C-alpha atoms as a PDB file:
ATOM      1  CA  MET A   1       3.519   9.879 -18.316  1.00  0.00           C
ATOM      2  CA  THR A   2       5.367   6.504 -19.366  1.00  0.00           C
ATOM      3  CA  GLY A   3       4.688   4.455 -22.525  1.00  0.00           C
ATOM      4  CA  ASP A   4       3.364   1.761 -19.779  1.00  0.00           C
ATOM      5  CA  ALA A   5       1.128   4.055 -18.539  1.00  0.00           C
ATOM      6  CA  VAL A   6      -0.654   5.402 -21.467  1.00  0.00           C
ATOM      7  CA  SER A   7      -1.355   1.830 -22.384  1.00  0.00           C
ATOM      8  CA  GLY A   8      -2.921   0.858 -19.147  1.00  0.00           C
ATOM      9  CA  ILE A   9      -5.016   3.966 -19.449  1.00  0.00           C
ATOM     10  CA  ARG A  10      -6.048   2.879 -22.714  1.00  0.00           C
ATOM     11  CA  ALA A  11      -7.852  -0.380 -21.827  1.00  0.00           C
ATOM     12  CA  PRO A  12     -10.532   1.547 -19.943  1.00  0.00           C
ATOM     13  CA  THR A  13     -10.892   3.969 -23.042  1.00  0.00           C
ATOM     14  CA  ALA A  14     -11.311   0.721 -25.196  1.00  0.00           C
ATOM     15  CA  ARG A  15     -13.600  -0.810 -23.031  1.00  0.00           C
ATOM     16  CA  ALA A  16     -15.804   2.532 -23.282  1.00  0.00           C
ATOM     17  CA  MET A  17     -15.394   2.297 -27.283  1.00  0.00           C
ATOM     18  CA  ARG A  18     -16.774  -1.112 -27.108  1.00  0.00           C
ATOM     19  CA  GLY A  19     -19.638  -0.450 -25.171  1.00  0.00           C
ATOM     20  CA  GLN A  20     -18.746  -1.410 -21.580  1.00  0.00           C
ATOM     21  CA  THR A  21     -19.389   0.851 -18.607  1.00  0.00           C
ATOM     22  CA  VAL A  22     -16.190   1.010 -16.437  1.00  0.00           C
ATOM     23  CA  ARG A  23     -16.118   2.619 -13.100  1.00  0.00           C
ATOM     24  CA  ASP A  24     -13.321   3.624 -10.463  1.00  0.00           C
ATOM     25  CA  VAL A  25     -10.301   1.609 -12.273  1.00  0.00           C
ATOM     26  CA  GLU A  26      -7.384   2.297  -9.611  1.00  0.00           C
ATOM     27  CA  MET A  27      -3.985   2.815 -11.731  1.00  0.00           C
ATOM     28  CA  VAL A  28      -0.243   3.648 -11.215  1.00  0.00           C
ATOM     29  CA  VAL A  29       1.282   6.278 -13.539  1.00  0.00           C
ATOM     30  CA  ARG A  30       4.854   6.166 -13.150  1.00  0.00           C
ATOM     31  CA  HIS A  31       6.720   9.321 -13.836  1.00  0.00           C
ATOM     32  CA  PRO A  32      10.860   8.985 -13.501  1.00  0.00           C
ATOM     33  CA  GLN A  33      11.034  12.945 -11.760  1.00  0.00           C
ATOM     34  CA  THR A  34       7.627  13.182  -9.797  1.00  0.00           C
ATOM     35  CA  GLY A  35       7.023   9.810  -8.711  1.00  0.00           C
ATOM     36  CA  ASN A  36       3.896   7.588  -8.286  1.00  0.00           C
ATOM     37  CA  THR A  37       0.439   9.071  -8.883  1.00  0.00           C
ATOM     38  CA  ILE A  38      -2.449   6.766  -8.343  1.00  0.00           C
ATOM     39  CA  ILE A  39      -5.338   7.829 -10.504  1.00  0.00           C
ATOM     40  CA  ALA A  40      -9.441   6.294 -10.830  1.00  0.00           C
ATOM     41  CA  VAL A  41     -10.477   5.954 -14.251  1.00  0.00           C
ATOM     42  CA  THR A  42     -14.117   5.831 -15.074  1.00  0.00           C
ATOM     43  CA  GLY A  43     -15.634   5.386 -18.592  1.00  0.00           C
ATOM     44  CA  SER A  44     -18.585   4.989 -20.500  1.00  0.00           C
ATOM     45  CA  PRO A  45     -19.960   4.667 -24.187  1.00  0.00           C
ATOM     46  CA  LEU A  46     -20.980   7.657 -25.589  1.00  0.00           C
ATOM     47  CA  ILE A  47     -24.742   7.212 -26.802  1.00  0.00           C
ATOM     48  CA  ASP A  48     -26.672   9.647 -29.270  1.00  0.00           C
ATOM     49  CA  GLU A  49     -30.495  10.311 -28.674  1.00  0.00           C
ATOM     50  CA  GLY A  50     -31.411   7.716 -31.315  1.00  0.00           C
ATOM     51  CA  GLY A  51     -29.708   4.891 -29.184  1.00  0.00           C
ATOM     52  CA  VAL A  52     -26.211   5.094 -31.466  1.00  0.00           C
ATOM     53  CA  GLN A  53     -22.816   4.392 -30.062  1.00  0.00           C
ATOM     54  CA  ARG A  54     -20.925   7.548 -31.203  1.00  0.00           C
ATOM     55  CA  GLY A  55     -17.807   6.997 -28.805  1.00  0.00           C
ATOM     56  CA  GLY A  56     -16.713   6.750 -25.346  1.00  0.00           C
ATOM     57  CA  ILE A  57     -15.886   9.210 -22.754  1.00  0.00           C
ATOM     58  CA  VAL A  58     -13.011   8.377 -20.196  1.00  0.00           C
ATOM     59  CA  VAL A  59     -12.168  10.746 -16.568  1.00  0.00           C
ATOM     60  CA  SER A  60      -8.993  10.277 -14.707  1.00  0.00           C
ATOM     61  CA  ARG A  61      -9.180  11.584 -11.420  1.00  0.00           C
ATOM     62  CA  ASP A  62      -5.701  12.128  -9.200  1.00  0.00           C
ATOM     63  CA  ILE A  63      -6.564  10.029  -5.981  1.00  0.00           C
ATOM     64  CA  THR A  64      -3.013   9.983  -4.594  1.00  0.00           C
ATOM     65  CA  GLN A  65      -3.759  11.970  -1.555  1.00  0.00           C
ATOM     66  CA  ARG A  66      -6.926  10.150  -0.969  1.00  0.00           C
ATOM     67  CA  GLU A  67      -5.261   6.446  -0.929  1.00  0.00           C
ATOM     68  CA  ARG A  68      -1.753   8.139   1.136  1.00  0.00           C
ATOM     69  CA  ALA A  69      -4.647   9.433   3.837  1.00  0.00           C
ATOM     70  CA  GLU A  70      -6.074   5.703   3.733  1.00  0.00           C
ATOM     71  CA  GLU A  71      -3.085   4.037   4.363  1.00  0.00           C
ATOM     72  CA  GLU A  72      -1.534   6.588   7.164  1.00  0.00           C
ATOM     73  CA  ILE A  73      -5.166   6.141   8.648  1.00  0.00           C
ATOM     74  CA  GLN A  74      -4.909   2.163   8.348  1.00  0.00           C
ATOM     75  CA  LYS A  75      -1.525   2.353  10.233  1.00  0.00           C
ATOM     76  CA  LEU A  76      -2.622   4.775  12.861  1.00  0.00           C
ATOM     77  CA  ASN A  77      -5.461   2.447  13.634  1.00  0.00           C
ATOM     78  CA  ALA A  78      -2.948  -0.747  13.977  1.00  0.00           C
ATOM     79  CA  ASP A  79      -0.613   1.678  16.069  1.00  0.00           C
ATOM     80  CA  LEU A  80      -3.696   2.223  18.263  1.00  0.00           C
ATOM     81  CA  GLU A  81      -4.482  -1.595  18.803  1.00  0.00           C
ATOM     82  CA  LEU A  82      -1.046  -2.287  19.308  1.00  0.00           C
ATOM     83  CA  GLY A  83      -0.843   0.274  22.081  1.00  0.00           C
ATOM     84  CA  ALA A  84      -4.538  -0.778  23.695  1.00  0.00           C
ATOM     85  CA  ALA A  85      -3.451  -4.499  23.302  1.00  0.00           C
ATOM     86  CA  ALA A  86      -0.095  -3.768  25.199  1.00  0.00           C
ATOM     87  CA  HIS A  87      -1.647  -1.454  28.036  1.00  0.00           C
ATOM     88  CA  SER A  88      -4.621  -4.495  28.666  1.00  0.00           C
ATOM     89  CA  GLY A  89      -2.021  -7.157  28.982  1.00  0.00           C
ATOM     90  CA  ALA A  90       0.308  -4.709  31.623  1.00  0.00           C
END
């Protein structure tokens, strides 16, 4: 991970530590050898049984393949619409 990626991930962590909940914040992690990885970050405060905040917890999920699949579906749908329009216009 680059320094920029780490500082970006810290934003949801800091919000969780301040008592805020964040859900599925999408971020791009850039790596010089492996390229871009898209992650979804969810975080929330960690509250004990007495209601006192004791920290925060953050989970990051790699959603790169899902995002690429969604892009491919959009492209295929656009191609299908173009084909249908060309066929109906003929």
